[in-house]
Protein backbone atom coordinates (compact mmCIF):
# COMPACT_ATOMS: atom_id res chain seq x y z
CA LYS A 1 145.19 89.15 75.07
CA ALA A 2 145.04 85.85 73.99
CA PHE A 3 141.99 86.01 72.02
CA ARG A 4 143.74 89.11 70.10
CA PHE A 5 146.67 87.31 69.72
CA ILE A 6 144.77 84.05 68.08
CA LYS A 7 142.49 86.46 65.99
CA GLU A 8 145.88 88.46 64.52
CA HIS A 9 147.91 85.23 64.02
CA THR A 10 145.99 82.31 63.50
CA GLU A 11 145.26 80.91 59.71
CA VAL A 12 143.20 78.67 60.88
CA PRO A 13 139.36 80.00 59.95
CA ASP A 14 137.60 78.35 62.86
CA GLU A 15 140.19 79.34 65.51
CA ARG A 16 139.89 83.10 64.13
CA ILE A 17 136.10 82.99 64.12
CA GLU A 18 136.16 81.70 67.67
CA ALA A 19 138.54 83.98 68.78
CA THR A 20 136.96 86.86 67.53
CA TYR A 21 133.41 85.67 69.08
CA TYR A 22 134.97 85.70 72.67
CA LEU A 23 136.56 89.05 72.18
CA LEU A 24 133.65 90.58 70.97
CA GLU A 25 131.50 89.01 73.77
CA SER A 26 134.24 90.39 76.48
CA LEU A 27 134.19 93.54 74.93
CA LYS A 28 130.49 93.92 75.42
CA LYS A 29 130.86 93.33 79.04
CA THR A 30 133.70 95.25 79.68
CA GLU A 31 133.92 98.24 77.16
CA LYS A 32 131.65 101.27 78.13
CA ASP A 33 132.05 102.84 74.72
CA THR A 34 129.47 101.36 72.57
CA ALA A 35 131.38 103.41 69.38
CA VAL A 36 134.45 101.11 70.05
CA ILE A 37 132.46 97.97 70.27
CA ASN A 38 130.51 98.96 66.77
CA ARG A 39 133.85 99.71 65.25
CA THR A 40 135.35 96.26 66.39
CA TYR A 41 132.04 94.25 64.52
CA THR A 42 132.55 96.63 61.59
CA ASP A 43 136.22 95.99 61.09
CA PHE A 44 135.72 92.19 61.35
CA PHE A 45 132.92 92.38 58.75
CA GLU A 46 134.88 94.60 56.43
CA ALA A 47 137.72 91.89 56.65
CA PHE A 48 135.40 88.71 56.80
CA PRO A 49 132.23 89.70 55.27
CA PRO A 50 128.96 87.66 56.59
CA ALA A 51 129.36 84.22 55.87
CA PRO A 52 127.93 80.75 56.82
CA LEU A 53 131.16 80.19 58.84
CA ASN A 54 130.61 83.66 61.08
CA VAL A 55 127.12 82.82 61.72
CA SER A 56 127.98 83.18 65.33
CA ILE A 57 129.47 86.46 65.22
CA GLN A 58 126.23 87.58 62.96
CA VAL A 59 124.21 86.60 65.79
CA SER A 60 126.49 88.39 68.45
CA TYR A 61 126.18 91.55 66.52
CA ALA A 62 122.33 91.55 66.40
CA ASP A 63 122.43 91.01 70.07
CA PHE A 64 124.45 94.11 70.28
CA LEU A 65 122.52 96.18 67.74
CA ALA A 66 119.18 95.64 70.02
CA PHE A 67 120.90 95.49 73.61
CA TYR A 68 123.42 98.45 73.32
CA LEU A 69 122.24 100.33 70.69
CA ASP A 70 118.52 100.13 70.69
CA ASN A 71 118.32 99.44 67.20
CA ILE A 72 115.82 96.81 66.54
CA LYS A 73 115.23 97.22 63.02
CA GLN A 74 119.13 96.60 62.23
CA SER A 75 118.97 93.90 64.70
CA ILE A 76 116.44 92.14 63.10
CA ALA A 77 117.90 92.48 59.50
CA ALA A 78 120.99 91.15 60.71
CA LEU A 79 119.27 87.77 62.10
CA ASP A 80 117.06 87.59 58.74
CA ARG A 81 120.61 87.86 56.84
CA ALA A 82 122.15 85.53 58.99
CA MET A 83 119.47 82.87 58.70
CA THR A 84 119.87 82.67 54.77
CA MET A 85 123.50 81.60 55.92
CA ALA A 86 122.48 78.76 58.41
CA GLN A 87 124.18 75.75 57.97
CA ASN A 88 122.33 73.42 59.89
CA ARG A 89 118.93 73.13 62.58
CA TYR A 90 121.33 74.60 65.26
CA ASP A 91 122.34 77.30 63.53
CA GLU A 92 118.90 77.85 62.85
CA ALA A 93 117.91 77.74 66.04
CA GLU A 94 120.89 80.13 67.78
CA ILE A 95 119.27 82.59 65.26
CA LYS A 96 115.66 82.11 66.52
CA LEU A 97 116.38 82.41 70.13
CA LYS A 98 118.48 85.55 69.67
CA LEU A 99 115.25 86.96 67.60
CA GLY A 100 113.16 86.04 70.49
CA ASP A 101 115.11 87.83 72.78
CA VAL A 102 115.18 90.86 70.35
CA LEU A 103 111.68 90.67 70.48
CA VAL A 104 111.46 90.40 74.27
CA PHE A 105 113.50 93.60 74.39
CA ASP A 106 111.20 95.22 72.19
CA GLY A 107 108.19 94.54 74.36
CA GLN A 108 106.67 91.89 71.40
CA PHE A 109 105.85 89.22 73.90
CA ASN A 110 103.48 87.44 72.09
CA ARG A 111 105.56 87.30 68.82
CA ALA A 112 108.42 86.16 71.25
CA LEU A 113 106.37 83.17 72.78
CA ILE A 114 105.55 81.88 69.29
CA VAL A 115 109.39 81.89 68.17
CA PHE A 116 110.57 80.28 71.48
CA THR A 117 107.72 77.62 71.38
CA GLN A 118 108.64 76.43 67.69
CA ILE A 119 112.05 75.95 69.05
CA GLN A 120 110.99 74.04 72.11
CA ASN A 121 108.58 71.82 69.91
CA SER A 122 111.60 71.33 67.45
CA PHE A 123 114.07 69.95 70.04
CA LYS A 124 112.03 68.26 72.50
CA ASN A 125 114.13 66.56 75.51
CA HIS A 126 117.23 68.55 74.21
CA PRO A 127 119.43 71.63 75.79
CA VAL A 128 118.05 73.79 73.24
CA GLY A 129 114.46 72.88 73.37
CA GLN A 130 114.82 73.51 77.45
CA MET A 131 116.59 76.78 76.71
CA ALA A 132 113.51 77.89 74.51
CA ARG A 133 110.92 76.41 77.30
CA TYR A 134 113.05 78.76 79.73
CA LYS A 135 112.79 81.69 77.69
CA VAL A 136 108.80 81.13 77.29
CA ALA A 137 108.56 80.96 81.31
CA ARG A 138 110.57 84.16 81.23
CA THR A 139 108.93 85.93 78.86
CA SER A 140 105.62 84.83 80.38
CA TYR A 141 106.88 86.38 83.75
CA PHE A 142 107.85 89.51 82.18
CA LYS A 143 104.34 89.73 80.62
CA GLY A 144 102.61 89.27 83.97
CA ASP A 145 101.69 85.33 83.37
CA PHE A 146 103.01 83.98 86.33
CA ASP A 147 100.85 80.63 86.30
CA TRP A 148 101.90 79.65 83.04
CA ALA A 149 105.49 80.68 83.53
CA ASN A 150 105.64 78.48 86.47
CA VAL A 151 104.11 75.69 84.63
CA GLN A 152 107.21 75.76 82.18
CA LEU A 153 109.73 76.23 85.39
CA LYS A 154 108.54 73.26 87.26
CA VAL A 155 109.04 71.36 83.93
CA LEU A 156 112.69 72.62 83.69
CA LYS A 157 113.62 71.49 87.33
CA ARG A 158 114.55 68.59 85.64
CA ALA A 159 116.34 70.20 82.92
CA THR A 160 119.79 68.27 81.71
CA SER A 161 121.63 71.60 81.71
CA LYS A 162 122.15 72.64 85.68
CA LEU A 163 122.70 76.14 84.94
CA ILE A 164 118.95 76.15 83.39
CA ALA A 165 117.64 73.79 86.05
CA ASN A 166 119.08 76.35 88.72
CA ASP A 167 117.75 79.55 86.92
CA ALA A 168 114.23 77.62 86.49
CA MET A 169 114.09 77.13 90.40
CA ASP A 170 115.29 80.42 91.32
CA LEU A 171 112.50 82.00 89.07
CA SER A 172 109.71 79.50 90.35
CA ILE A 173 110.87 80.19 93.76
CA LEU A 174 110.82 84.17 93.42
CA ILE A 175 107.21 83.74 91.70
CA GLU A 176 105.45 80.96 94.33
CA THR A 177 106.75 82.88 97.63
CA ASN A 178 105.27 86.32 96.34
CA GLN A 179 102.28 84.71 95.11
CA MET A 180 101.73 82.90 98.14
CA LYS A 181 101.83 86.34 100.11
CA ASP A 182 100.13 88.43 97.61
CA SER A 183 97.08 87.15 96.25
CA THR A 184 96.84 90.50 94.13
CA ASP A 185 100.31 89.55 92.60
CA THR A 186 100.91 93.55 92.55
CA ALA A 187 104.40 93.07 93.83
CA ILE A 188 105.61 90.43 91.59
CA LYS A 189 104.07 92.68 88.60
CA ASP A 190 105.76 95.38 89.62
CA PHE A 191 109.21 93.51 90.46
CA ALA A 192 108.62 91.83 87.02
CA THR A 193 108.63 95.15 85.37
CA ALA A 194 111.77 96.10 86.83
CA ASP A 195 113.20 92.87 86.08
CA LEU A 196 112.31 93.96 82.23
CA LEU A 197 114.32 97.13 82.38
CA SER A 198 117.38 95.44 83.86
CA TYR A 199 117.06 92.70 80.77
CA GLN A 200 116.77 95.67 78.50
CA ASN A 201 120.49 96.81 79.86
CA LYS A 202 118.42 100.04 81.28
CA THR A 203 120.28 99.56 84.48
CA GLU A 204 119.89 103.18 85.85
CA GLU A 205 115.93 102.78 85.52
CA ALA A 206 115.97 99.47 86.80
CA VAL A 207 117.72 100.78 89.89
CA LYS A 208 115.23 103.37 90.32
CA ALA A 209 112.18 101.02 89.56
CA PHE A 210 113.60 98.42 92.41
CA THR A 211 114.17 101.07 94.71
CA ALA A 212 110.46 102.56 94.29
CA ILE A 213 109.08 98.77 94.95
CA ALA A 214 111.59 98.88 98.21
CA ASP A 215 109.84 101.90 99.21
CA ALA A 216 106.60 101.07 98.13
CA TYR A 217 106.65 97.32 99.81
CA PRO A 218 108.87 97.80 103.09
CA GLY A 219 107.71 94.68 104.80
CA HIS A 220 106.81 92.50 101.75
CA PRO A 221 108.56 88.98 101.77
CA ILE A 222 109.86 90.27 97.97
CA LEU A 223 112.00 92.81 99.90
CA ASP A 224 115.10 90.53 100.05
CA ASP A 225 114.64 89.92 96.28
CA VAL A 226 114.46 93.75 95.53
CA LEU A 227 117.41 94.42 97.71
CA PHE A 228 119.70 91.63 96.13
CA ARG A 229 118.70 92.89 92.47
CA ILE A 230 119.61 96.38 93.35
CA ALA A 231 123.23 95.43 94.78
CA GLN A 232 123.76 93.51 91.50
CA LEU A 233 122.77 96.71 89.34
CA TYR A 234 125.19 98.60 91.56
CA GLU A 235 128.17 96.22 90.90
CA GLN A 236 127.14 96.27 87.06
CA LEU A 237 127.55 100.36 87.07
CA GLY A 238 130.75 100.06 89.30
CA LYS A 239 128.99 101.88 92.12
CA TYR A 240 130.62 99.16 94.54
CA GLU A 241 129.86 101.15 97.81
CA ASP A 242 126.49 101.58 97.21
CA ALA A 243 126.32 97.54 96.71
CA ILE A 244 128.02 96.87 99.87
CA VAL A 245 125.40 99.33 101.54
CA THR A 246 122.64 97.46 99.87
CA TYR A 247 124.22 93.98 100.88
CA GLU A 248 124.37 94.97 104.46
CA LYS A 249 120.67 95.83 104.52
CA ILE A 250 120.04 91.93 103.36
CA LEU A 251 122.23 91.09 106.35
CA ALA A 252 120.24 92.97 108.44
CA TYR A 253 117.51 90.41 108.15
CA ASN A 254 117.07 87.23 109.94
CA GLN A 255 120.39 84.88 108.86
CA ASP A 256 117.87 82.40 107.67
CA GLU A 257 117.14 84.98 104.71
CA LEU A 258 117.63 83.42 101.32
CA PHE A 259 120.34 85.75 100.05
CA TYR A 260 122.52 85.87 103.09
CA ASP A 261 125.28 83.83 101.94
CA ASP A 262 125.19 85.27 98.74
CA ALA A 263 125.39 89.05 100.27
CA CYS A 264 128.13 87.84 102.32
CA TYR A 265 130.15 86.42 99.23
CA HIS A 266 129.58 89.40 97.18
CA MET A 267 130.66 91.80 99.76
CA ALA A 268 133.85 89.59 100.36
CA ARG A 269 134.57 89.67 96.70
CA LEU A 270 134.17 93.43 96.60
CA TYR A 271 136.37 93.97 99.30
CA ASP A 272 138.83 91.93 97.67
CA GLN A 273 138.98 92.69 94.48
CA TYR A 274 137.66 95.96 94.07
CA LEU A 275 137.76 98.28 97.43
CA SER A 276 141.21 96.76 98.46
CA ASP A 277 140.04 95.83 102.18
CA PRO A 278 141.46 92.18 102.81
CA GLU A 279 140.47 92.44 106.54
CA LYS A 280 136.57 93.06 105.63
CA ALA A 281 136.77 90.84 102.83
CA ARG A 282 138.32 87.98 105.13
CA THR A 283 135.40 88.73 108.14
CA TYR A 284 132.88 87.78 105.10
CA TYR A 285 134.72 84.66 103.62
CA GLU A 286 135.30 83.50 107.14
CA LYS A 287 131.21 83.95 107.85
CA ILE A 288 130.57 81.75 104.88
CA VAL A 289 132.96 79.07 105.89
CA MET A 290 131.92 78.83 109.38
CA ASP A 291 128.38 79.64 109.24
CA TYR A 292 127.13 78.41 105.77
CA PRO A 293 128.99 74.77 105.28
CA SER A 294 126.56 73.87 102.57
CA SER A 295 126.57 77.13 100.61
CA ILE A 296 127.60 77.13 96.77
CA TYR A 297 130.14 79.53 97.84
CA LEU A 298 131.65 77.55 100.38
CA VAL A 299 134.71 76.36 97.98
CA PRO A 300 135.82 79.83 96.29
CA SER A 301 135.32 81.37 99.89
CA ARG A 302 137.85 78.58 101.52
CA LYS A 303 140.24 79.01 98.91
CA ARG A 304 140.30 82.81 98.69
CA LEU A 305 140.31 82.81 102.70
CA ARG A 306 143.51 80.71 102.48
CA ILE A 307 145.30 83.21 100.48
CA LEU A 308 144.35 85.97 102.63
CA ARG A 309 145.26 84.47 105.87
CA GLY A 310 148.38 82.91 104.62
CA ASP A 311 147.20 79.58 106.35
CA GLU A 312 147.29 75.99 104.70
CA ILE A 313 144.47 74.76 106.86
CA ILE A 314 141.13 76.70 107.49
CA PRO A 315 138.92 75.70 110.79
């Protein structure tokens, strides 16, 4: 509502553009009807034709065309048009990064790697270059080149951006752990293929692919990663009960498993926000507070538990 108000009432162009950008990005995550989203973009461009000032919205639209409408040709055309309006090297990098993303979506891994590598070389020791390097690693992972992916990821563990560093560490752990236990890389290859479906917003297909992996490798160390991915995808689909059942499978493993506190927190949040069961939510928030004091979820769990219990002090 705030973004809508600013969009409709502000006379400051930069504020209008920024408000519209965040409105559209929010719509892509919450609105199920792609026609509504598309109409919002087209309405904007009818009122404000593509121009250097709204390059970010042009890039956002290209993302929508590819990842939500599966229209690669129009997406690339939108990015080509945006490139003619780029005002500086940072605009150009934003456009090229999205072009690389679209090429990955379309399975054009080698072309995407060229684009990402160009940006990486142009922005050495800069967060933009680090993001490009991460995309090189992730694309190599999708492609099945796990060794090269891990070379890039190890460099990124020291990245300036904490988010990039954390993402790099997570993907590196996934690759190393499962390569160590499976010299043929069969399971991790199947996992990367399923991950690509998720990246492509083919959520139902991704669930089926990950479920097939769980059935094919019942005792494999990759199983906890598989179950966590399935649970997250169920959440995206709004299938909260199915997500809960899947998180419970993770909890059925030894409590030292990597995703144990993640599963507890996500279950607590689902019971708290979507399933209207505060008692069960309290149970899982308490488990994090009591059993996982070093968890990244400790602070939000403690805060929410205080509200649910009505206590000022949490043991």
